[in-house]
Amino acid sequence: MQNCRSAHDIGGIALLLAALSTIGPFAMDTYLPSLHSIGESLHATPLEVQQTLTAYLFMFSLMSLWHGAISDALGRRRVILVSLSIFMLACAASIFATRIEHLWLLRAIQGMSAGAGVILSRAIVRDLFNGPAAQRMMSHMTMMFAIAPAAAPVIGGHLQTAFGWRSVFAFMMLLAAALIFACWRHLPETLPVEQRQSLRPGYLLRAYWRIMTSPVFLAASLGLGCIFSGFFVYIMSAPEFLVRHLGIPATAFLWLFGPAMAGMLSGAWLSGKAAGRISLRRTIAYGYLLVGLAALINLGINFIWPPSLPLSILPIPIYTLGMALIMPSLTLLALDHFPQQRGTAASCQNFIQSLVSSFIAGVIAPIAWQSTLGLALAMGACAGLAALATAGYFIMARHHPA
């Protein structure tokens, strides 16, 4: 662990890692306000346009399994720079797409490359930091991660209104270029050569088998996937929830994402303050109390009142506040079970979370967004499943500690 770095270095790395962790959410959410316009421009049906998101999420999930393992063998810095370069080129090509099939392919390439920043930023935290310092760093990343899904649709909505949908991909290309430059200048290699792992198929299969068959790891990862999905279902349903049910324009997505961001920022800040003072287990417990309260309030509002502003938004920042308390601590607990293969473990963790998110995007969200009550039921179900998985983790972790 490199805990002796200066405060200036630590602050710079924290900001850079947080920015890297946002590239995936930005690539997913920025173009949501443009879906209808893309369909009109490329003469595609709503289902065909929705498949651009499916292609992104599928490849994001698939490649999530490999980014960490490749970085365990080749180093973190190299993998991040190559992945960001591929992402930038795919965004540049999307500006010139003339058929929906072109966008399917290019969105798949973006999904394939965008996951590296999300996954490897977690591995780098565990390369550099231990204990409360690691929790604080994860909290800083969660704060930036909170800004991404909140800011992305707002930025995308204004770009769509002012310049059209192609400008959204130009924006993402420029964002990737800025990150490439920042990583090239300021991101050190955090995995020494002597600690690198093999890319031999036999070794990789054994490593993946060991991680993906660990009940403790699977329980923590499922908890993370489900707790995020309680909010993710609202992200995927944002056009229906805001425009159709609440009657606001596409440029007013801040009604949803602003309060949600405030909740996540507050939760991440509290998680950082709790580091070294309150145990990870108690921090997670407090988070679940808030999440459960939000889910119950959401159900109550939807059973009693019709959809309206600001009442329909009220439970969401409470939920994201609890979620931001849970996720940094539970992420660290999961990764600590495989200290020699943190990159591979981070890949597996993200793969499981992405599978849950893909199921939410492709199956649950289209059902839930038919009504605000459906969305409230989906949030409650996700929170309940997350609590069960996390409880299972703590029960099993007594016998199999990290």
Protein backbone atom coordinates (compact mmCIF):
# COMPACT_ATOMS: atom_id res chain seq x y z
CA MET A 1 0.00 0.00 0.00
CA GLN A 2 1.23 3.47 -0.85
CA ASN A 3 -0.27 5.39 2.05
CA CYS A 4 2.66 7.77 2.31
CA ARG A 5 1.73 9.89 -0.71
CA SER A 6 1.33 13.63 -0.18
CA ALA A 7 -2.11 15.12 0.37
CA HIS A 8 -1.82 16.88 -3.00
CA ASP A 9 -1.08 13.60 -4.80
CA ILE A 10 -3.90 11.83 -2.98
CA GLY A 11 -6.37 14.58 -3.86
CA GLY A 12 -5.36 14.53 -7.51
CA ILE A 13 -5.60 10.75 -7.75
CA ALA A 14 -8.96 10.79 -5.98
CA LEU A 15 -10.33 13.28 -8.51
CA LEU A 16 -8.93 11.33 -11.46
CA LEU A 17 -10.26 7.98 -10.23
CA ALA A 18 -13.64 9.53 -9.57
CA ALA A 19 -13.70 10.93 -13.12
CA LEU A 20 -12.75 7.52 -14.54
CA SER A 21 -15.60 5.89 -12.65
CA THR A 22 -18.11 8.25 -14.34
CA ILE A 23 -17.33 7.43 -17.99
CA GLY A 24 -19.64 4.40 -18.00
CA PRO A 25 -22.68 6.22 -16.54
CA PHE A 26 -22.07 9.22 -18.80
CA ALA A 27 -21.99 7.01 -21.89
CA MET A 28 -25.23 5.36 -20.82
CA ASP A 29 -27.28 8.34 -19.62
CA THR A 30 -26.22 11.37 -21.68
CA TYR A 31 -28.09 10.26 -24.79
CA LEU A 32 -31.34 9.22 -23.05
CA PRO A 33 -33.11 12.51 -23.93
CA SER A 34 -32.13 11.94 -27.59
CA LEU A 35 -33.68 8.48 -28.05
CA HIS A 36 -36.78 9.81 -29.82
CA SER A 37 -34.73 12.11 -32.05
CA ILE A 38 -32.35 9.28 -32.98
CA GLY A 39 -35.32 7.17 -34.06
CA GLU A 40 -36.66 9.95 -36.28
CA SER A 41 -33.25 10.74 -37.78
CA LEU A 42 -32.30 7.14 -38.54
CA HIS A 43 -35.86 5.99 -39.41
CA ALA A 44 -35.81 3.44 -36.58
CA THR A 45 -38.60 2.15 -34.36
CA PRO A 46 -38.54 2.82 -30.60
CA LEU A 47 -37.59 -0.84 -30.04
CA GLU A 48 -34.66 -0.56 -32.47
CA VAL A 49 -33.45 2.58 -30.73
CA GLN A 50 -33.79 0.87 -27.32
CA GLN A 51 -31.51 -1.86 -28.62
CA THR A 52 -28.64 0.65 -28.80
CA LEU A 53 -28.82 0.72 -25.00
CA THR A 54 -29.10 -3.06 -24.84
CA ALA A 55 -26.00 -3.43 -27.05
CA TYR A 56 -24.08 -1.06 -24.78
CA LEU A 57 -25.10 -2.83 -21.57
CA PHE A 58 -24.48 -6.32 -22.98
CA MET A 59 -20.92 -5.55 -24.06
CA PHE A 60 -20.30 -3.56 -20.89
CA SER A 61 -21.26 -6.66 -18.88
CA LEU A 62 -19.29 -9.07 -21.05
CA MET A 63 -16.06 -7.06 -21.04
CA SER A 64 -16.40 -6.38 -17.33
CA LEU A 65 -15.10 -9.90 -16.83
CA TRP A 66 -11.85 -9.13 -18.63
CA HIS A 67 -10.72 -5.60 -17.84
CA GLY A 68 -9.56 -6.52 -14.34
CA ALA A 69 -7.83 -9.74 -15.32
CA ILE A 70 -5.98 -8.03 -18.18
CA SER A 71 -4.89 -5.22 -15.82
CA ASP A 72 -3.72 -7.79 -13.24
CA ALA A 73 -1.33 -9.04 -15.93
CA LEU A 74 -0.41 -5.89 -17.88
CA GLY A 75 -0.88 -3.11 -15.32
CA ARG A 76 -3.70 -0.67 -14.65
CA ARG A 77 -2.43 2.40 -16.52
CA ARG A 78 -1.92 0.71 -19.91
CA VAL A 79 -5.36 -0.91 -19.93
CA ILE A 80 -7.08 2.35 -18.99
CA LEU A 81 -5.33 4.36 -21.72
CA VAL A 82 -6.09 1.81 -24.46
CA SER A 83 -9.73 1.42 -23.39
CA LEU A 84 -10.33 5.17 -23.29
CA SER A 85 -8.81 5.53 -26.76
CA ILE A 86 -11.15 2.88 -28.18
CA PHE A 87 -14.11 4.56 -26.49
CA MET A 88 -13.15 7.97 -27.91
CA LEU A 89 -12.90 6.60 -31.47
CA ALA A 90 -16.27 4.83 -31.18
CA CYS A 91 -17.91 8.07 -30.01
CA ALA A 92 -16.31 9.97 -32.90
CA ALA A 93 -17.67 7.42 -35.38
CA SER A 94 -21.16 7.65 -33.85
CA ILE A 95 -21.36 11.29 -34.93
CA PHE A 96 -21.45 10.09 -38.55
CA ALA A 97 -23.87 7.15 -38.15
CA THR A 98 -26.48 7.00 -40.93
CA ARG A 99 -28.26 3.75 -39.99
CA ILE A 100 -29.45 2.37 -36.69
CA GLU A 101 -27.29 -0.73 -37.32
CA HIS A 102 -24.21 1.50 -37.30
CA LEU A 103 -25.23 2.80 -33.88
CA TRP A 104 -25.82 -0.73 -32.56
CA LEU A 105 -22.23 -1.66 -33.45
CA LEU A 106 -20.68 1.56 -32.17
CA ARG A 107 -22.63 1.49 -28.92
CA ALA A 108 -21.45 -2.09 -28.40
CA ILE A 109 -17.83 -0.92 -28.83
CA GLN A 110 -18.45 1.93 -26.39
CA GLY A 111 -19.83 -0.54 -23.85
CA MET A 112 -16.87 -2.85 -24.41
CA SER A 113 -14.38 -0.10 -23.56
CA ALA A 114 -16.24 2.11 -21.04
CA GLY A 115 -16.15 -0.43 -18.21
CA ALA A 116 -12.37 -0.22 -17.74
CA GLY A 117 -12.54 3.08 -15.87
CA VAL A 118 -15.29 1.90 -13.52
CA ILE A 119 -13.59 -1.39 -12.68
CA LEU A 120 -9.96 -0.38 -12.53
CA SER A 121 -10.61 2.71 -10.42
CA ARG A 122 -11.80 0.36 -7.66
CA ALA A 123 -8.76 -1.89 -8.07
CA ILE A 124 -6.43 1.12 -7.93
CA VAL A 125 -8.00 2.25 -4.65
CA ARG A 126 -7.17 -1.14 -3.10
CA ASP A 127 -3.68 -1.03 -4.67
CA LEU A 128 -2.96 2.25 -2.91
CA PHE A 129 -4.99 2.43 0.27
CA ASN A 130 -6.07 0.39 3.29
CA GLY A 131 -8.67 0.70 6.04
CA PRO A 132 -10.36 4.08 6.60
CA ALA A 133 -8.27 5.70 3.83
CA ALA A 134 -9.71 3.21 1.32
CA GLN A 135 -13.25 3.87 2.58
CA ARG A 136 -12.76 7.62 2.25
CA MET A 137 -11.41 7.21 -1.28
CA MET A 138 -14.35 5.00 -2.28
CA SER A 139 -16.68 7.62 -0.83
CA HIS A 140 -15.04 10.35 -2.95
CA MET A 141 -15.56 8.14 -6.01
CA THR A 142 -19.19 7.57 -5.05
CA MET A 143 -19.71 11.32 -4.81
CA MET A 144 -18.46 11.78 -8.37
CA PHE A 145 -20.40 8.69 -9.48
CA ALA A 146 -23.50 10.41 -8.05
CA ILE A 147 -22.93 13.47 -10.21
CA ALA A 148 -22.67 11.48 -13.46
CA PRO A 149 -26.20 10.03 -13.74
CA ALA A 150 -27.62 13.31 -12.48
CA ALA A 151 -25.68 15.61 -14.77
CA ALA A 152 -25.53 13.40 -17.88
CA PRO A 153 -29.22 13.53 -18.95
CA VAL A 154 -29.37 17.25 -18.14
CA ILE A 155 -26.33 17.93 -20.33
CA GLY A 156 -27.69 15.58 -22.98
CA GLY A 157 -31.09 17.27 -22.96
CA HIS A 158 -29.59 20.71 -23.53
CA LEU A 159 -27.23 19.43 -26.24
CA GLN A 160 -30.14 17.68 -27.93
CA THR A 161 -32.26 20.83 -27.86
CA ALA A 162 -29.47 23.13 -29.08
CA PHE A 163 -27.51 20.99 -31.56
CA GLY A 164 -29.22 17.62 -32.08
CA TRP A 165 -28.34 14.09 -30.98
CA ARG A 166 -24.98 13.90 -32.77
CA SER A 167 -23.62 16.60 -30.48
CA VAL A 168 -24.10 14.22 -27.54
CA PHE A 169 -21.53 11.82 -28.99
CA ALA A 170 -19.20 14.73 -29.78
CA PHE A 171 -19.40 15.71 -26.11
CA MET A 172 -18.55 12.15 -25.00
CA MET A 173 -15.62 12.06 -27.46
CA LEU A 174 -14.20 15.26 -25.94
CA LEU A 175 -14.73 13.93 -22.42
CA ALA A 176 -12.79 10.77 -23.29
CA ALA A 177 -9.99 12.83 -24.87
CA ALA A 178 -9.67 14.92 -21.70
CA LEU A 179 -9.47 11.79 -19.55
CA ILE A 180 -6.83 10.25 -21.81
CA PHE A 181 -4.66 13.34 -21.41
CA ALA A 182 -5.19 13.48 -17.64
CA CYS A 183 -4.36 9.77 -17.19
CA TRP A 184 -1.31 10.02 -19.42
CA ARG A 185 0.01 12.96 -17.39
CA HIS A 186 -1.06 12.12 -13.83
CA LEU A 187 -2.07 8.48 -13.34
CA PRO A 188 0.81 6.35 -11.98
CA GLU A 189 1.09 2.60 -12.47
CA THR A 190 -0.13 1.18 -9.16
CA LEU A 191 0.51 -2.54 -9.73
CA PRO A 192 4.23 -3.43 -9.47
CA VAL A 193 5.56 -5.92 -11.99
CA GLU A 194 6.36 -8.47 -9.27
CA GLN A 195 2.68 -8.52 -8.20
CA ARG A 196 1.22 -9.12 -11.65
CA GLN A 197 -0.70 -12.27 -12.46
CA SER A 198 -0.68 -14.64 -15.41
CA LEU A 199 -2.94 -14.43 -18.45
CA ARG A 200 -2.60 -18.16 -19.11
CA PRO A 201 -6.04 -19.69 -19.74
CA GLY A 202 -5.61 -22.33 -17.04
CA TYR A 203 -4.71 -19.77 -14.38
CA LEU A 204 -7.52 -17.43 -15.43
CA LEU A 205 -10.11 -20.20 -15.37
CA ARG A 206 -9.06 -21.20 -11.87
CA ALA A 207 -9.13 -17.57 -10.69
CA TYR A 208 -12.56 -16.90 -12.19
CA TRP A 209 -13.91 -20.18 -10.83
CA ARG A 210 -12.61 -19.41 -7.35
CA ILE A 211 -14.14 -15.92 -7.33
CA MET A 212 -17.44 -16.66 -9.07
CA THR A 213 -18.14 -19.71 -6.90
CA SER A 214 -17.45 -17.90 -3.63
CA PRO A 215 -20.84 -17.60 -1.88
CA VAL A 216 -19.56 -14.72 0.27
CA PHE A 217 -18.40 -12.72 -2.75
CA LEU A 218 -21.55 -13.50 -4.74
CA ALA A 219 -23.81 -12.39 -1.89
CA ALA A 220 -22.01 -9.03 -1.53
CA SER A 221 -22.01 -8.46 -5.30
CA LEU A 222 -25.70 -9.30 -5.62
CA GLY A 223 -26.41 -6.92 -2.76
CA LEU A 224 -24.58 -4.16 -4.62
CA GLY A 225 -26.37 -4.93 -7.88
CA CYS A 226 -29.83 -4.98 -6.30
CA ILE A 227 -29.39 -1.89 -4.16
CA PHE A 228 -28.25 0.16 -7.17
CA SER A 229 -31.09 -1.27 -9.28
CA GLY A 230 -33.66 0.30 -6.97
CA PHE A 231 -32.49 3.66 -8.32
CA PHE A 232 -31.39 2.40 -11.75
CA VAL A 233 -34.98 1.48 -12.63
CA TYR A 234 -35.79 5.19 -12.34
CA ILE A 235 -32.80 6.13 -14.51
CA MET A 236 -33.94 3.74 -17.25
CA SER A 237 -37.54 4.93 -16.91
CA ALA A 238 -36.70 8.63 -16.72
CA PRO A 239 -38.34 9.66 -20.04
CA GLU A 240 -41.57 7.82 -19.15
CA PHE A 241 -41.55 8.81 -15.48
CA LEU A 242 -40.83 12.50 -16.05
CA VAL A 243 -42.38 13.27 -19.41
CA ARG A 244 -45.34 10.90 -19.53
CA HIS A 245 -46.37 10.60 -15.87
CA LEU A 246 -45.24 13.94 -14.43
CA GLY A 247 -45.67 16.03 -17.59
CA ILE A 248 -42.33 17.87 -17.70
CA PRO A 249 -40.13 18.51 -20.80
CA ALA A 250 -36.97 16.58 -21.72
CA THR A 251 -34.82 19.54 -20.67
CA ALA A 252 -36.15 19.30 -17.09
CA PHE A 253 -34.61 15.94 -16.18
CA LEU A 254 -32.98 17.74 -13.26
CA TRP A 255 -36.27 17.26 -11.39
CA LEU A 256 -35.29 13.62 -10.94
CA PHE A 257 -31.53 13.66 -11.11
CA GLY A 258 -30.93 16.76 -9.00
CA PRO A 259 -32.50 15.41 -5.79
CA ALA A 260 -31.04 11.97 -6.49
CA MET A 261 -27.58 13.50 -6.85
CA ALA A 262 -28.03 15.48 -3.63
CA GLY A 263 -28.91 12.28 -1.78
CA MET A 264 -25.91 10.39 -3.16
CA LEU A 265 -23.51 13.24 -2.47
CA SER A 266 -24.76 13.50 1.10
CA GLY A 267 -24.50 9.75 1.63
CA ALA A 268 -21.00 9.56 0.17
CA TRP A 269 -19.89 12.50 2.31
CA LEU A 270 -21.30 10.81 5.44
CA SER A 271 -19.60 7.54 4.47
CA GLY A 272 -16.27 9.35 4.23
CA LYS A 273 -16.81 11.01 7.61
CA ALA A 274 -17.72 7.64 9.14
CA ALA A 275 -14.46 6.04 7.97
CA GLY A 276 -12.43 5.01 11.01
CA ARG A 277 -15.22 6.05 13.40
CA ILE A 278 -18.08 3.69 12.56
CA SER A 279 -17.56 0.12 11.40
CA LEU A 280 -18.36 -0.84 7.81
CA ARG A 281 -21.09 -3.13 9.08
CA ARG A 282 -22.87 -0.37 11.04
CA THR A 283 -22.51 2.07 8.13
CA ILE A 284 -24.22 -0.47 5.88
CA ALA A 285 -26.97 -1.06 8.47
CA TYR A 286 -27.72 2.68 8.69
CA GLY A 287 -27.86 2.79 4.90
CA TYR A 288 -30.43 0.02 4.77
CA LEU A 289 -32.60 1.78 7.34
CA LEU A 290 -32.77 4.80 5.03
CA VAL A 291 -33.34 2.68 1.93
CA GLY A 292 -36.19 0.78 3.60
CA LEU A 293 -37.76 4.02 4.81
CA ALA A 294 -37.59 5.49 1.29
CA ALA A 295 -39.20 2.40 -0.26
CA LEU A 296 -42.07 2.48 2.26
CA ILE A 297 -42.65 6.22 1.77
CA ASN A 298 -42.64 5.71 -2.01
CA LEU A 299 -45.28 2.98 -1.81
CA GLY A 300 -47.41 5.06 0.56
CA ILE A 301 -47.31 8.13 -1.69
CA ASN A 302 -48.29 6.12 -4.76
CA PHE A 303 -51.15 4.32 -3.04
CA ILE A 304 -52.64 7.55 -1.65
CA TRP A 305 -51.91 10.35 -4.15
CA PRO A 306 -51.75 10.66 -7.95
CA PRO A 307 -48.37 11.37 -9.60
CA SER A 308 -47.30 14.96 -8.96
CA LEU A 309 -44.31 17.21 -8.32
CA PRO A 310 -42.55 17.31 -5.94
CA LEU A 311 -44.31 14.50 -4.04
CA SER A 312 -43.39 11.71 -6.50
CA ILE A 313 -39.69 12.71 -6.28
CA LEU A 314 -39.50 12.91 -2.47
CA PRO A 315 -38.49 9.28 -1.69
CA ILE A 316 -35.70 9.16 -4.29
CA PRO A 317 -33.06 11.33 -2.50
CA ILE A 318 -33.73 9.39 0.73
CA TYR A 319 -33.10 6.16 -1.16
CA THR A 320 -29.90 7.40 -2.83
CA LEU A 321 -28.65 8.74 0.52
CA GLY A 322 -28.89 5.23 2.00
CA MET A 323 -27.52 3.65 -1.17
CA ALA A 324 -24.42 5.87 -1.05
CA LEU A 325 -23.78 4.82 2.54
CA ILE A 326 -23.98 1.14 1.58
CA MET A 327 -22.06 0.88 -1.69
CA PRO A 328 -18.51 2.04 -0.76
CA SER A 329 -18.39 -0.17 2.35
CA LEU A 330 -19.91 -3.25 0.72
CA THR A 331 -17.61 -2.87 -2.31
CA LEU A 332 -14.51 -2.88 -0.08
CA LEU A 333 -15.75 -5.89 1.89
CA ALA A 334 -16.27 -7.87 -1.32
CA LEU A 335 -12.86 -7.03 -2.84
CA ASP A 336 -11.00 -7.82 0.37
CA HIS A 337 -11.78 -11.52 -0.04
CA PHE A 338 -9.34 -11.67 -3.01
CA PRO A 339 -6.38 -9.39 -2.20
CA GLN A 340 -4.06 -11.03 -4.77
CA GLN A 341 -6.53 -10.65 -7.65
CA ARG A 342 -8.24 -7.35 -6.96
CA GLY A 343 -8.59 -6.49 -10.64
CA THR A 344 -10.19 -9.82 -11.48
CA ALA A 345 -12.44 -9.59 -8.42
CA ALA A 346 -13.48 -6.04 -9.39
CA SER A 347 -14.29 -7.35 -12.88
CA CYS A 348 -16.43 -10.16 -11.50
CA GLN A 349 -18.15 -7.77 -9.11
CA ASN A 350 -18.97 -5.35 -11.91
CA PHE A 351 -20.08 -8.19 -14.18
CA ILE A 352 -22.63 -9.35 -11.63
CA GLN A 353 -23.87 -5.80 -11.07
CA SER A 354 -24.11 -5.27 -14.84
CA LEU A 355 -26.11 -8.46 -15.30
CA VAL A 356 -28.59 -7.25 -12.70
CA SER A 357 -28.72 -3.82 -14.40
CA SER A 358 -29.23 -5.41 -17.83
CA PHE A 359 -32.16 -7.42 -16.46
CA ILE A 360 -33.62 -4.25 -14.95
CA ALA A 361 -33.18 -2.29 -18.21
CA GLY A 362 -34.47 -5.00 -20.53
CA VAL A 363 -37.22 -6.67 -18.49
CA ILE A 364 -38.23 -4.83 -15.32
CA ALA A 365 -38.10 -1.16 -16.41
CA PRO A 366 -40.48 -1.53 -19.41
CA ILE A 367 -43.02 -3.20 -17.09
CA ALA A 368 -42.49 -0.86 -14.14
CA TRP A 369 -42.62 2.42 -16.08
CA GLN A 370 -46.26 1.87 -17.04
CA SER A 371 -47.15 3.61 -13.77
CA THR A 372 -45.45 5.39 -10.90
CA LEU A 373 -46.77 2.68 -8.58
CA GLY A 374 -44.99 0.09 -10.70
CA LEU A 375 -41.73 1.99 -10.26
CA ALA A 376 -42.29 2.21 -6.50
CA LEU A 377 -42.91 -1.55 -6.32
CA ALA A 378 -39.71 -2.18 -8.34
CA MET A 379 -37.71 0.03 -5.95
CA GLY A 380 -39.11 -1.82 -2.92
CA ALA A 381 -38.42 -5.24 -4.45
CA CYS A 382 -34.81 -4.30 -5.30
CA ALA A 383 -34.23 -2.94 -1.79
CA GLY A 384 -35.64 -6.10 -0.21
CA LEU A 385 -33.52 -8.41 -2.37
CA ALA A 386 -30.43 -6.32 -1.62
CA ALA A 387 -31.06 -6.54 2.12
CA LEU A 388 -31.45 -10.33 1.93
CA ALA A 389 -28.24 -10.72 -0.09
CA THR A 390 -26.28 -8.46 2.26
CA ALA A 391 -27.58 -10.28 5.32
CA GLY A 392 -26.48 -13.53 3.67
CA TYR A 393 -23.03 -12.03 3.13
CA PHE A 394 -22.58 -11.14 6.81
CA ILE A 395 -23.80 -14.55 7.96
CA MET A 396 -21.37 -16.37 5.66
CA ALA A 397 -18.51 -13.93 6.34
CA ARG A 398 -18.45 -15.05 9.99
CA HIS A 399 -17.16 -18.42 8.81
CA HIS A 400 -15.13 -17.15 5.82
CA PRO A 401 -13.60 -13.79 6.85
CA ALA A 402 -11.71 -11.64 4.34
